[in-house]
Amino acid sequence: MRVEFSNKKLLKVCSSAEEAQAKHGKRMSVKIQLRMTQLAAVETLADLHLLPGARCHALTGNLKGKFAVDLVHPDRLLFSPDHEPLPLKDDGGLILKEVTAVLIEGIGDYHGK
């Protein structure tokens, strides 16, 4: 899958284990690198849902339209489909097997926000 970043700071943290470790610690750095490898390896968002441990899930509320994968609890890697227009079903749901690009938007704990 094609992976883009919402800003240069995220790009640095997600592409360098050293940058990730300096900002988030060793355990988190390992998880970030694992998730980035997984995102690059899968072809579609539907494939990401099949990976054990990633726990890819759609978000709701003010984060509707975005997805997250687990890092070190409670932190998540937050991203959204990077398609224009979005591949949508007739009922408005996203066609996961047609999402081939994502935009990384953040790392952290969004719960309760």
PDB file of N, CA and C in Angstrom:
ATOM      1  N   MET A   1       0.849  -1.167   0.000  1.00  0.00           N
ATOM      2  CA  MET A   1       0.000   0.000   0.000  1.00  0.00           C
ATOM      3  C   MET A   1       0.899   1.236   0.000  1.00  0.00           C
ATOM      4  N   ARG A   2       0.434   2.271  -0.662  1.00  0.00           N
ATOM      5  CA  ARG A   2       1.176   3.538  -0.674  1.00  0.00           C
ATOM      6  C   ARG A   2       0.882   4.261   0.634  1.00  0.00           C
ATOM      7  N   VAL A   3       1.939   4.773   1.264  1.00  0.00           N
ATOM      8  CA  VAL A   3       1.805   5.459   2.548  1.00  0.00           C
ATOM      9  C   VAL A   3       2.372   6.864   2.419  1.00  0.00           C
ATOM     10  N   GLU A   4       1.558   7.853   2.759  1.00  0.00           N
ATOM     11  CA  GLU A   4       1.972   9.260   2.789  1.00  0.00           C
ATOM     12  C   GLU A   4       1.830   9.766   4.220  1.00  0.00           C
ATOM     13  N   PHE A   5       2.362  10.950   4.484  1.00  0.00           N
ATOM     14  CA  PHE A   5       2.359  11.507   5.836  1.00  0.00           C
ATOM     15  C   PHE A   5       1.809  12.924   5.820  1.00  0.00           C
ATOM     16  N   SER A   6       1.082  13.279   6.875  1.00  0.00           N
ATOM     17  CA  SER A   6       0.459  14.603   6.932  1.00  0.00           C
ATOM     18  C   SER A   6       1.466  15.709   7.211  1.00  0.00           C
ATOM     19  N   ASN A   7       2.646  15.347   7.741  1.00  0.00           N
ATOM     20  CA  ASN A   7       3.685  16.355   7.968  1.00  0.00           C
ATOM     21  C   ASN A   7       5.061  15.695   8.038  1.00  0.00           C
ATOM     22  N   LYS A   8       6.096  16.515   7.955  1.00  0.00           N
ATOM     23  CA  LYS A   8       7.469  16.004   7.922  1.00  0.00           C
ATOM     24  C   LYS A   8       7.896  15.381   9.243  1.00  0.00           C
ATOM     25  N   LYS A   9       7.348  15.880  10.350  1.00  0.00           N
ATOM     26  CA  LYS A   9       7.691  15.329  11.659  1.00  0.00           C
ATOM     27  C   LYS A   9       7.248  13.867  11.758  1.00  0.00           C
ATOM     28  N   LEU A  10       6.030  13.580  11.300  1.00  0.00           N
ATOM     29  CA  LEU A  10       5.536  12.199  11.294  1.00  0.00           C
ATOM     30  C   LEU A  10       6.355  11.324  10.355  1.00  0.00           C
ATOM     31  N   LEU A  11       6.705  11.858   9.206  1.00  0.00           N
ATOM     32  CA  LEU A  11       7.540  11.119   8.258  1.00  0.00           C
ATOM     33  C   LEU A  11       8.850  10.706   8.914  1.00  0.00           C
ATOM     34  N   LYS A  12       9.498  11.633   9.620  1.00  0.00           N
ATOM     35  CA  LYS A  12      10.777  11.326  10.281  1.00  0.00           C
ATOM     36  C   LYS A  12      10.616  10.259  11.351  1.00  0.00           C
ATOM     37  N   VAL A  13       9.594  10.401  12.184  1.00  0.00           N
ATOM     38  CA  VAL A  13       9.382   9.446  13.275  1.00  0.00           C
ATOM     39  C   VAL A  13       9.035   8.061  12.730  1.00  0.00           C
ATOM     40  N   CYS A  14       8.226   8.008  11.687  1.00  0.00           N
ATOM     41  CA  CYS A  14       7.786   6.725  11.142  1.00  0.00           C
ATOM     42  C   CYS A  14       8.818   6.059  10.246  1.00  0.00           C
ATOM     43  N   SER A  15       9.788   6.810   9.746  1.00  0.00           N
ATOM     44  CA  SER A  15      10.779   6.196   8.865  1.00  0.00           C
ATOM     45  C   SER A  15      12.136   5.994   9.511  1.00  0.00           C
ATOM     46  N   SER A  16      12.289   6.408  10.746  1.00  0.00           N
ATOM     47  CA  SER A  16      13.577   6.249  11.419  1.00  0.00           C
ATOM     48  C   SER A  16      13.362   5.686  12.818  1.00  0.00           C
ATOM     49  N   ALA A  17      13.896   4.492  13.056  1.00  0.00           N
ATOM     50  CA  ALA A  17      13.784   3.882  14.384  1.00  0.00           C
ATOM     51  C   ALA A  17      14.420   4.774  15.441  1.00  0.00           C
ATOM     52  N   GLU A  18      15.509   5.444  15.077  1.00  0.00           N
ATOM     53  CA  GLU A  18      16.199   6.324  16.028  1.00  0.00           C
ATOM     54  C   GLU A  18      15.317   7.519  16.401  1.00  0.00           C
ATOM     55  N   GLU A  19      14.678   8.133  15.407  1.00  0.00           N
ATOM     56  CA  GLU A  19      13.778   9.262  15.672  1.00  0.00           C
ATOM     57  C   GLU A  19      12.590   8.809  16.521  1.00  0.00           C
ATOM     58  N   ALA A  20      12.030   7.655  16.182  1.00  0.00           N
ATOM     59  CA  ALA A  20      10.887   7.132  16.932  1.00  0.00           C
ATOM     60  C   ALA A  20      11.278   6.838  18.374  1.00  0.00           C
ATOM     61  N   GLN A  21      12.454   6.254  18.568  1.00  0.00           N
ATOM     62  CA  GLN A  21      12.900   5.929  19.922  1.00  0.00           C
ATOM     63  C   GLN A  21      13.155   7.195  20.735  1.00  0.00           C
ATOM     64  N   ALA A  22      13.748   8.199  20.115  1.00  0.00           N
ATOM     65  CA  ALA A  22      14.021   9.454  20.819  1.00  0.00           C
ATOM     66  C   ALA A  22      12.724  10.125  21.262  1.00  0.00           C
ATOM     67  N   LYS A  23      11.690  10.033  20.449  1.00  0.00           N
ATOM     68  CA  LYS A  23      10.421  10.707  20.766  1.00  0.00           C
ATOM     69  C   LYS A  23       9.489   9.860  21.625  1.00  0.00           C
ATOM     70  N   HIS A  24       9.467   8.537  21.392  1.00  0.00           N
ATOM     71  CA  HIS A  24       8.455   7.684  22.025  1.00  0.00           C
ATOM     72  C   HIS A  24       9.006   6.544  22.873  1.00  0.00           C
ATOM     73  N   GLY A  25      10.312   6.318  22.879  1.00  0.00           N
ATOM     74  CA  GLY A  25      10.875   5.204  23.637  1.00  0.00           C
ATOM     75  C   GLY A  25      11.063   3.961  22.783  1.00  0.00           C
ATOM     76  N   LYS A  26      11.841   3.012  23.307  1.00  0.00           N
ATOM     77  CA  LYS A  26      12.233   1.809  22.570  1.00  0.00           C
ATOM     78  C   LYS A  26      11.032   0.934  22.177  1.00  0.00           C
ATOM     79  N   ARG A  27      10.164   0.607  23.140  1.00  0.00           N
ATOM     80  CA  ARG A  27       9.022  -0.271  22.850  1.00  0.00           C
ATOM     81  C   ARG A  27       8.124   0.299  21.765  1.00  0.00           C
ATOM     82  N   MET A  28       7.842   1.573  21.878  1.00  0.00           N
ATOM     83  CA  MET A  28       6.975   2.239  20.904  1.00  0.00           C
ATOM     84  C   MET A  28       7.663   2.296  19.542  1.00  0.00           C
ATOM     85  N   SER A  29       8.951   2.551  19.526  1.00  0.00           N
ATOM     86  CA  SER A  29       9.705   2.597  18.272  1.00  0.00           C
ATOM     87  C   SER A  29       9.597   1.269  17.523  1.00  0.00           C
ATOM     88  N   VAL A  30       9.735   0.171  18.249  1.00  0.00           N
ATOM     89  CA  VAL A  30       9.635  -1.158  17.636  1.00  0.00           C
ATOM     90  C   VAL A  30       8.242  -1.354  17.026  1.00  0.00           C
ATOM     91  N   LYS A  31       7.194  -0.961  17.748  1.00  0.00           N
ATOM     92  CA  LYS A  31       5.825  -1.108  17.236  1.00  0.00           C
ATOM     93  C   LYS A  31       5.572  -0.213  16.023  1.00  0.00           C
ATOM     94  N   ILE A  32       6.073   1.012  16.070  1.00  0.00           N
ATOM     95  CA  ILE A  32       5.893   1.921  14.931  1.00  0.00           C
ATOM     96  C   ILE A  32       6.545   1.331  13.689  1.00  0.00           C
ATOM     97  N   GLN A  33       7.771   0.829  13.826  1.00  0.00           N
ATOM     98  CA  GLN A  33       8.469   0.246  12.684  1.00  0.00           C
ATOM     99  C   GLN A  33       7.734  -0.988  12.160  1.00  0.00           C
ATOM    100  N   LEU A  34       7.206  -1.807  13.074  1.00  0.00           N
ATOM    101  CA  LEU A  34       6.434  -2.983  12.668  1.00  0.00           C
ATOM    102  C   LEU A  34       5.200  -2.573  11.871  1.00  0.00           C
ATOM    103  N   ARG A  35       4.448  -1.605  12.379  1.00  0.00           N
ATOM    104  CA  ARG A  35       3.229  -1.172  11.680  1.00  0.00           C
ATOM    105  C   ARG A  35       3.549  -0.544  10.326  1.00  0.00           C
ATOM    106  N   MET A  36       4.628   0.208  10.230  1.00  0.00           N
ATOM    107  CA  MET A  36       5.003   0.807   8.948  1.00  0.00           C
ATOM    108  C   MET A  36       5.383  -0.281   7.942  1.00  0.00           C
ATOM    109  N   THR A  37       6.088  -1.305   8.404  1.00  0.00           N
ATOM    110  CA  THR A  37       6.442  -2.432   7.534  1.00  0.00           C
ATOM    111  C   THR A  37       5.178  -3.146   7.062  1.00  0.00           C
ATOM    112  N   GLN A  38       4.235  -3.341   7.972  1.00  0.00           N
ATOM    113  CA  GLN A  38       2.981  -3.999   7.609  1.00  0.00           C
ATOM    114  C   GLN A  38       2.184  -3.171   6.607  1.00  0.00           C
ATOM    115  N   LEU A  39       2.098  -1.867   6.833  1.00  0.00           N
ATOM    116  CA  LEU A  39       1.369  -1.002   5.897  1.00  0.00           C
ATOM    117  C   LEU A  39       1.983  -1.062   4.502  1.00  0.00           C
ATOM    118  N   ALA A  40       3.300  -1.070   4.433  1.00  0.00           N
ATOM    119  CA  ALA A  40       3.980  -1.118   3.135  1.00  0.00           C
ATOM    120  C   ALA A  40       3.803  -2.477   2.457  1.00  0.00           C
ATOM    121  N   ALA A  41       3.646  -3.536   3.261  1.00  0.00           N
ATOM    122  CA  ALA A  41       3.585  -4.891   2.711  1.00  0.00           C
ATOM    123  C   ALA A  41       2.206  -5.267   2.171  1.00  0.00           C
ATOM    124  N   VAL A  42       1.151  -4.723   2.753  1.00  0.00           N
ATOM    125  CA  VAL A  42      -0.193  -5.103   2.299  1.00  0.00           C
ATOM    126  C   VAL A  42      -0.561  -4.332   1.031  1.00  0.00           C
ATOM    127  N   GLU A  43      -1.468  -4.903   0.265  1.00  0.00           N
ATOM    128  CA  GLU A  43      -1.921  -4.231  -0.957  1.00  0.00           C
ATOM    129  C   GLU A  43      -3.099  -3.308  -0.698  1.00  0.00           C
ATOM    130  N   THR A  44      -3.976  -3.710   0.225  1.00  0.00           N
ATOM    131  CA  THR A  44      -5.186  -2.923   0.478  1.00  0.00           C
ATOM    132  C   THR A  44      -5.475  -2.836   1.975  1.00  0.00           C
ATOM    133  N   LEU A  45      -6.376  -1.946   2.318  1.00  0.00           N
ATOM    134  CA  LEU A  45      -6.804  -1.804   3.707  1.00  0.00           C
ATOM    135  C   LEU A  45      -7.494  -3.076   4.196  1.00  0.00           C
ATOM    136  N   ALA A  46      -8.161  -3.789   3.313  1.00  0.00           N
ATOM    137  CA  ALA A  46      -8.797  -5.058   3.687  1.00  0.00           C
ATOM    138  C   ALA A  46      -7.748  -6.058   4.160  1.00  0.00           C
ATOM    139  N   ASP A  47      -6.580  -6.069   3.530  1.00  0.00           N
ATOM    140  CA  ASP A  47      -5.498  -6.973   3.928  1.00  0.00           C
ATOM    141  C   ASP A  47      -4.980  -6.640   5.325  1.00  0.00           C
ATOM    142  N   LEU A  48      -4.936  -5.367   5.655  1.00  0.00           N
ATOM    143  CA  LEU A  48      -4.435  -4.940   6.961  1.00  0.00           C
ATOM    144  C   LEU A  48      -5.322  -5.480   8.080  1.00  0.00           C
ATOM    145  N   HIS A  49      -6.613  -5.593   7.823  1.00  0.00           N
ATOM    146  CA  HIS A  49      -7.548  -6.120   8.825  1.00  0.00           C
ATOM    147  C   HIS A  49      -7.252  -7.576   9.167  1.00  0.00           C
ATOM    148  N   LEU A  50      -6.550  -8.284   8.303  1.00  0.00           N
ATOM    149  CA  LEU A  50      -6.262  -9.703   8.520  1.00  0.00           C
ATOM    150  C   LEU A  50      -5.014  -9.936   9.360  1.00  0.00           C
ATOM    151  N   LEU A  51      -4.199  -8.918   9.571  1.00  0.00           N
ATOM    152  CA  LEU A  51      -2.943  -9.097  10.295  1.00  0.00           C
ATOM    153  C   LEU A  51      -3.180  -9.216  11.794  1.00  0.00           C
ATOM    154  N   PRO A  52      -2.635 -10.279  12.402  1.00  0.00           N
ATOM    155  CA  PRO A  52      -2.815 -10.445  13.845  1.00  0.00           C
ATOM    156  C   PRO A  52      -2.062  -9.357  14.613  1.00  0.00           C
ATOM    157  N   GLY A  53      -2.681  -8.871  15.659  1.00  0.00           N
ATOM    158  CA  GLY A  53      -2.018  -7.891  16.519  1.00  0.00           C
ATOM    159  C   GLY A  53      -2.177  -6.452  16.091  1.00  0.00           C
ATOM    160  N   ALA A  54      -2.397  -6.199  14.811  1.00  0.00           N
ATOM    161  CA  ALA A  54      -2.521  -4.810  14.351  1.00  0.00           C
ATOM    162  C   ALA A  54      -3.840  -4.214  14.829  1.00  0.00           C
ATOM    163  N   ARG A  55      -4.869  -5.040  14.856  1.00  0.00           N
ATOM    164  CA  ARG A  55      -6.211  -4.621  15.282  1.00  0.00           C
ATOM    165  C   ARG A  55      -6.642  -3.343  14.577  1.00  0.00           C
ATOM    166  N   CYS A  56      -6.592  -3.391  13.264  1.00  0.00           N
ATOM    167  CA  CYS A  56      -7.027  -2.247  12.455  1.00  0.00           C
ATOM    168  C   CYS A  56      -8.522  -2.044  12.653  1.00  0.00           C
ATOM    169  N   HIS A  57      -8.899  -0.806  12.974  1.00  0.00           N
ATOM    170  CA  HIS A  57     -10.311  -0.539  13.223  1.00  0.00           C
ATOM    171  C   HIS A  57     -10.691   0.861  12.764  1.00  0.00           C
ATOM    172  N   ALA A  58     -11.924   0.954  12.276  1.00  0.00           N
ATOM    173  CA  ALA A  58     -12.485   2.244  11.867  1.00  0.00           C
ATOM    174  C   ALA A  58     -12.868   3.020  13.118  1.00  0.00           C
ATOM    175  N   LEU A  59     -12.689   4.327  13.066  1.00  0.00           N
ATOM    176  CA  LEU A  59     -13.007   5.176  14.206  1.00  0.00           C
ATOM    177  C   LEU A  59     -14.374   5.814  14.024  1.00  0.00           C
ATOM    178  N   THR A  60     -14.914   6.314  15.111  1.00  0.00           N
ATOM    179  CA  THR A  60     -16.248   6.913  15.097  1.00  0.00           C
ATOM    180  C   THR A  60     -16.191   8.308  15.710  1.00  0.00           C
ATOM    181  N   GLY A  61     -17.338   8.927  15.817  1.00  0.00           N
ATOM    182  CA  GLY A  61     -17.421  10.253  16.439  1.00  0.00           C
ATOM    183  C   GLY A  61     -16.703  11.296  15.615  1.00  0.00           C
ATOM    184  N   ASN A  62     -15.926  12.150  16.298  1.00  0.00           N
ATOM    185  CA  ASN A  62     -15.223  13.218  15.582  1.00  0.00           C
ATOM    186  C   ASN A  62     -14.060  12.694  14.740  1.00  0.00           C
ATOM    187  N   LEU A  63     -13.753  11.403  14.849  1.00  0.00           N
ATOM    188  CA  LEU A  63     -12.695  10.796  14.034  1.00  0.00           C
ATOM    189  C   LEU A  63     -13.272   9.871  12.954  1.00  0.00           C
ATOM    190  N   LYS A  64     -14.562   9.978  12.704  1.00  0.00           N
ATOM    191  CA  LYS A  64     -15.204   9.148  11.679  1.00  0.00           C
ATOM    192  C   LYS A  64     -14.501   9.349  10.338  1.00  0.00           C
ATOM    193  N   GLY A  65     -14.282   8.234   9.629  1.00  0.00           N
ATOM    194  CA  GLY A  65     -13.589   8.287   8.347  1.00  0.00           C
ATOM    195  C   GLY A  65     -12.109   7.973   8.473  1.00  0.00           C
ATOM    196  N   LYS A  66     -11.633   7.881   9.703  1.00  0.00           N
ATOM    197  CA  LYS A  66     -10.232   7.557   9.966  1.00  0.00           C
ATOM    198  C   LYS A  66     -10.146   6.141  10.532  1.00  0.00           C
ATOM    199  N   PHE A  67      -8.930   5.601  10.507  1.00  0.00           N
ATOM    200  CA  PHE A  67      -8.661   4.262  11.018  1.00  0.00           C
ATOM    201  C   PHE A  67      -7.483   4.331  11.970  1.00  0.00           C
ATOM    202  N   ALA A  68      -7.323   3.265  12.757  1.00  0.00           N
ATOM    203  CA  ALA A  68      -6.182   3.183  13.663  1.00  0.00           C
ATOM    204  C   ALA A  68      -5.715   1.741  13.766  1.00  0.00           C
ATOM    205  N   VAL A  69      -4.424   1.591  14.068  1.00  0.00           N
ATOM    206  CA  VAL A  69      -3.854   0.292  14.421  1.00  0.00           C
ATOM    207  C   VAL A  69      -3.169   0.456  15.773  1.00  0.00           C
ATOM    208  N   ASP A  70      -3.128  -0.637  16.520  1.00  0.00           N
ATOM    209  CA  ASP A  70      -2.534  -0.607  17.850  1.00  0.00           C
ATOM    210  C   ASP A  70      -1.027  -0.407  17.793  1.00  0.00           C
ATOM    211  N   LEU A  71      -0.539   0.355  18.771  1.00  0.00           N
ATOM    212  CA  LEU A  71       0.899   0.465  19.025  1.00  0.00           C
ATOM    213  C   LEU A  71       1.098  -0.072  20.441  1.00  0.00           C
ATOM    214  N   VAL A  72       1.652   0.725  21.339  1.00  0.00           N
ATOM    215  CA  VAL A  72       1.765   0.339  22.745  1.00  0.00           C
ATOM    216  C   VAL A  72       0.591   0.994  23.467  1.00  0.00           C
ATOM    217  N   HIS A  73      -0.222   0.187  24.138  1.00  0.00           N
ATOM    218  CA  HIS A  73      -1.443   0.691  24.785  1.00  0.00           C
ATOM    219  C   HIS A  73      -1.144   1.907  25.648  1.00  0.00           C
ATOM    220  N   PRO A  74      -1.916   2.966  25.515  1.00  0.00           N
ATOM    221  CA  PRO A  74      -3.154   3.156  24.755  1.00  0.00           C
ATOM    222  C   PRO A  74      -2.927   3.840  23.408  1.00  0.00           C
ATOM    223  N   ASP A  75      -1.682   3.957  22.976  1.00  0.00           N
ATOM    224  CA  ASP A  75      -1.377   4.710  21.756  1.00  0.00           C
ATOM    225  C   ASP A  75      -1.718   3.933  20.490  1.00  0.00           C
ATOM    226  N   ARG A  76      -2.067   4.694  19.460  1.00  0.00           N
ATOM    227  CA  ARG A  76      -2.436   4.137  18.158  1.00  0.00           C
ATOM    228  C   ARG A  76      -1.758   4.937  17.046  1.00  0.00           C
ATOM    229  N   LEU A  77      -1.641   4.294  15.891  1.00  0.00           N
ATOM    230  CA  LEU A  77      -1.213   4.965  14.668  1.00  0.00           C
ATOM    231  C   LEU A  77      -2.498   5.315  13.922  1.00  0.00           C
ATOM    232  N   LEU A  78      -2.729   6.598  13.722  1.00  0.00           N
ATOM    233  CA  LEU A  78      -3.973   7.108  13.142  1.00  0.00           C
ATOM    234  C   LEU A  78      -3.750   7.441  11.669  1.00  0.00           C
ATOM    235  N   PHE A  79      -4.666   6.977  10.803  1.00  0.00           N
ATOM    236  CA  PHE A  79      -4.533   7.250   9.368  1.00  0.00           C
ATOM    237  C   PHE A  79      -5.901   7.309   8.710  1.00  0.00           C
ATOM    238  N   SER A  80      -5.905   7.822   7.490  1.00  0.00           N
ATOM    239  CA  SER A  80      -7.141   7.875   6.710  1.00  0.00           C
ATOM    240  C   SER A  80      -6.850   7.416   5.285  1.00  0.00           C
ATOM    241  N   PRO A  81      -7.871   6.932   4.580  1.00  0.00           N
ATOM    242  CA  PRO A  81      -7.688   6.563   3.176  1.00  0.00           C
ATOM    243  C   PRO A  81      -7.253   7.790   2.381  1.00  0.00           C
ATOM    244  N   ASP A  82      -6.290   7.612   1.496  1.00  0.00           N
ATOM    245  CA  ASP A  82      -5.760   8.718   0.693  1.00  0.00           C
ATOM    246  C   ASP A  82      -6.198   8.532  -0.758  1.00  0.00           C
ATOM    247  N   HIS A  83      -7.497   8.705  -0.980  1.00  0.00           N
ATOM    248  CA  HIS A  83      -8.096   8.542  -2.310  1.00  0.00           C
ATOM    249  C   HIS A  83      -9.041   9.702  -2.589  1.00  0.00           C
ATOM    250  N   GLU A  84      -9.070  10.133  -3.829  1.00  0.00           N
ATOM    251  CA  GLU A  84     -10.025  11.157  -4.248  1.00  0.00           C
ATOM    252  C   GLU A  84     -10.600  10.734  -5.584  1.00  0.00           C
ATOM    253  N   PRO A  85     -11.827  10.333  -5.689  1.00  0.00           N
ATOM    254  CA  PRO A  85     -12.803  10.201  -4.606  1.00  0.00           C
ATOM    255  C   PRO A  85     -12.587   8.897  -3.835  1.00  0.00           C
ATOM    256  N   LEU A  86     -13.174   8.824  -2.657  1.00  0.00           N
ATOM    257  CA  LEU A  86     -13.107   7.603  -1.856  1.00  0.00           C
ATOM    258  C   LEU A  86     -13.905   6.498  -2.534  1.00  0.00           C
ATOM    259  N   PRO A  87     -13.400   5.259  -2.505  1.00  0.00           N
ATOM    260  CA  PRO A  87     -14.176   4.140  -3.056  1.00  0.00           C
ATOM    261  C   PRO A  87     -15.294   3.756  -2.080  1.00  0.00           C
ATOM    262  N   LEU A  88     -16.519   4.113  -2.421  1.00  0.00           N
ATOM    263  CA  LEU A  88     -17.649   3.901  -1.519  1.00  0.00           C
ATOM    264  C   LEU A  88     -18.660   2.921  -2.088  1.00  0.00           C
ATOM    265  N   LYS A  89     -19.282   2.162  -1.181  1.00  0.00           N
ATOM    266  CA  LYS A  89     -20.396   1.284  -1.533  1.00  0.00           C
ATOM    267  C   LYS A  89     -21.638   2.153  -1.733  1.00  0.00           C
ATOM    268  N   ASP A  90     -22.685   1.546  -2.258  1.00  0.00           N
ATOM    269  CA  ASP A  90     -23.955   2.260  -2.445  1.00  0.00           C
ATOM    270  C   ASP A  90     -24.514   2.789  -1.130  1.00  0.00           C
ATOM    271  N   ASP A  91     -24.249   2.059  -0.030  1.00  0.00           N
ATOM    272  CA  ASP A  91     -24.770   2.481   1.275  1.00  0.00           C
ATOM    273  C   ASP A  91     -23.878   3.516   1.966  1.00  0.00           C
ATOM    274  N   GLY A  92     -22.786   3.927   1.294  1.00  0.00           N
ATOM    275  CA  GLY A  92     -21.896   4.943   1.850  1.00  0.00           C
ATOM    276  C   GLY A  92     -20.694   4.392   2.583  1.00  0.00           C
ATOM    277  N   GLY A  93     -20.653   3.081   2.795  1.00  0.00           N
ATOM    278  CA  GLY A  93     -19.510   2.458   3.464  1.00  0.00           C
ATOM    279  C   GLY A  93     -18.293   2.413   2.550  1.00  0.00           C
ATOM    280  N   LEU A  94     -17.135   2.354   3.145  1.00  0.00           N
ATOM    281  CA  LEU A  94     -15.878   2.319   2.406  1.00  0.00           C
ATOM    282  C   LEU A  94     -15.614   0.913   1.867  1.00  0.00           C
ATOM    283  N   ILE A  95     -15.164   0.817   0.630  1.00  0.00           N
ATOM    284  CA  ILE A  95     -14.791  -0.470   0.036  1.00  0.00           C
ATOM    285  C   ILE A  95     -13.322  -0.705   0.385  1.00  0.00           C
ATOM    286  N   LEU A  96     -13.073  -1.459   1.462  1.00  0.00           N
ATOM    287  CA  LEU A  96     -11.724  -1.638   1.999  1.00  0.00           C
ATOM    288  C   LEU A  96     -10.758  -2.252   0.990  1.00  0.00           C
ATOM    289  N   LYS A  97     -11.237  -3.174   0.163  1.00  0.00           N
ATOM    290  CA  LYS A  97     -10.342  -3.841  -0.784  1.00  0.00           C
ATOM    291  C   LYS A  97      -9.918  -2.926  -1.930  1.00  0.00           C
ATOM    292  N   GLU A  98     -10.516  -1.729  -2.014  1.00  0.00           N
ATOM    293  CA  GLU A  98     -10.120  -0.766  -3.042  1.00  0.00           C
ATOM    294  C   GLU A  98      -9.282   0.385  -2.486  1.00  0.00           C
ATOM    295  N   VAL A  99      -9.029   0.370  -1.185  1.00  0.00           N
ATOM    296  CA  VAL A  99      -8.183   1.399  -0.576  1.00  0.00           C
ATOM    297  C   VAL A  99      -6.736   0.926  -0.669  1.00  0.00           C
ATOM    298  N   THR A 100      -5.959   1.593  -1.520  1.00  0.00           N
ATOM    299  CA  THR A 100      -4.571   1.188  -1.768  1.00  0.00           C
ATOM    300  C   THR A 100      -3.565   2.249  -1.334  1.00  0.00           C
ATOM    301  N   ALA A 101      -4.049   3.300  -0.677  1.00  0.00           N
ATOM    302  CA  ALA A 101      -3.170   4.376  -0.211  1.00  0.00           C
ATOM    303  C   ALA A 101      -3.750   4.984   1.060  1.00  0.00           C
ATOM    304  N   VAL A 102      -2.855   5.309   2.004  1.00  0.00           N
ATOM    305  CA  VAL A 102      -3.295   5.924   3.258  1.00  0.00           C
ATOM    306  C   VAL A 102      -2.428   7.130   3.581  1.00  0.00           C
ATOM    307  N   LEU A 103      -2.993   8.012   4.402  1.00  0.00           N
ATOM    308  CA  LEU A 103      -2.297   9.196   4.891  1.00  0.00           C
ATOM    309  C   LEU A 103      -2.155   9.053   6.402  1.00  0.00           C
ATOM    310  N   ILE A 104      -0.916   8.945   6.884  1.00  0.00           N
ATOM    311  CA  ILE A 104      -0.659   8.857   8.324  1.00  0.00           C
ATOM    312  C   ILE A 104      -0.883  10.240   8.916  1.00  0.00           C
ATOM    313  N   GLU A 105      -1.753  10.316   9.938  1.00  0.00           N
ATOM    314  CA  GLU A 105      -2.131  11.603  10.505  1.00  0.00           C
ATOM    315  C   GLU A 105      -1.673  11.817  11.939  1.00  0.00           C
ATOM    316  N   GLY A 106      -1.289  10.748  12.625  1.00  0.00           N
ATOM    317  CA  GLY A 106      -0.859  10.964  13.995  1.00  0.00           C
ATOM    318  C   GLY A 106      -0.484   9.696  14.723  1.00  0.00           C
ATOM    319  N   ILE A 107       0.180   9.895  15.860  1.00  0.00           N
ATOM    320  CA  ILE A 107       0.551   8.829  16.780  1.00  0.00           C
ATOM    321  C   ILE A 107       0.151   9.312  18.162  1.00  0.00           C
ATOM    322  N   GLY A 108      -0.610   8.496  18.872  1.00  0.00           N
ATOM    323  CA  GLY A 108      -0.961   8.897  20.222  1.00  0.00           C
ATOM    324  C   GLY A 108      -2.241   8.265  20.702  1.00  0.00           C
ATOM    325  N   ASP A 109      -2.729   8.773  21.835  1.00  0.00           N
ATOM    326  CA  ASP A 109      -3.951   8.288  22.460  1.00  0.00           C
ATOM    327  C   ASP A 109      -5.068   9.288  22.188  1.00  0.00           C
ATOM    328  N   TYR A 110      -5.994   8.924  21.332  1.00  0.00           N
ATOM    329  CA  TYR A 110      -7.095   9.815  20.980  1.00  0.00           C
ATOM    330  C   TYR A 110      -8.329   9.540  21.837  1.00  0.00           C
ATOM    331  N   HIS A 111      -8.283   8.566  22.718  1.00  0.00           N
ATOM    332  CA  HIS A 111      -9.453   8.200  23.523  1.00  0.00           C
ATOM    333  C   HIS A 111      -9.849   9.339  24.455  1.00  0.00           C
ATOM    334  N   GLY A 112     -11.130   9.603  24.516  1.00  0.00           N
ATOM    335  CA  GLY A 112     -11.644  10.636  25.399  1.00  0.00           C
ATOM    336  C   GLY A 112     -11.446  12.050  24.898  1.00  0.00           C
ATOM    337  N   LYS A 113     -11.051  12.191  23.638  1.00  0.00           N
ATOM    338  CA  LYS A 113     -10.827  13.537  23.082  1.00  0.00           C
ATOM    339  C   LYS A 113     -11.914  13.903  22.122  1.00  0.00           C
TER     340      LYS A 113
END
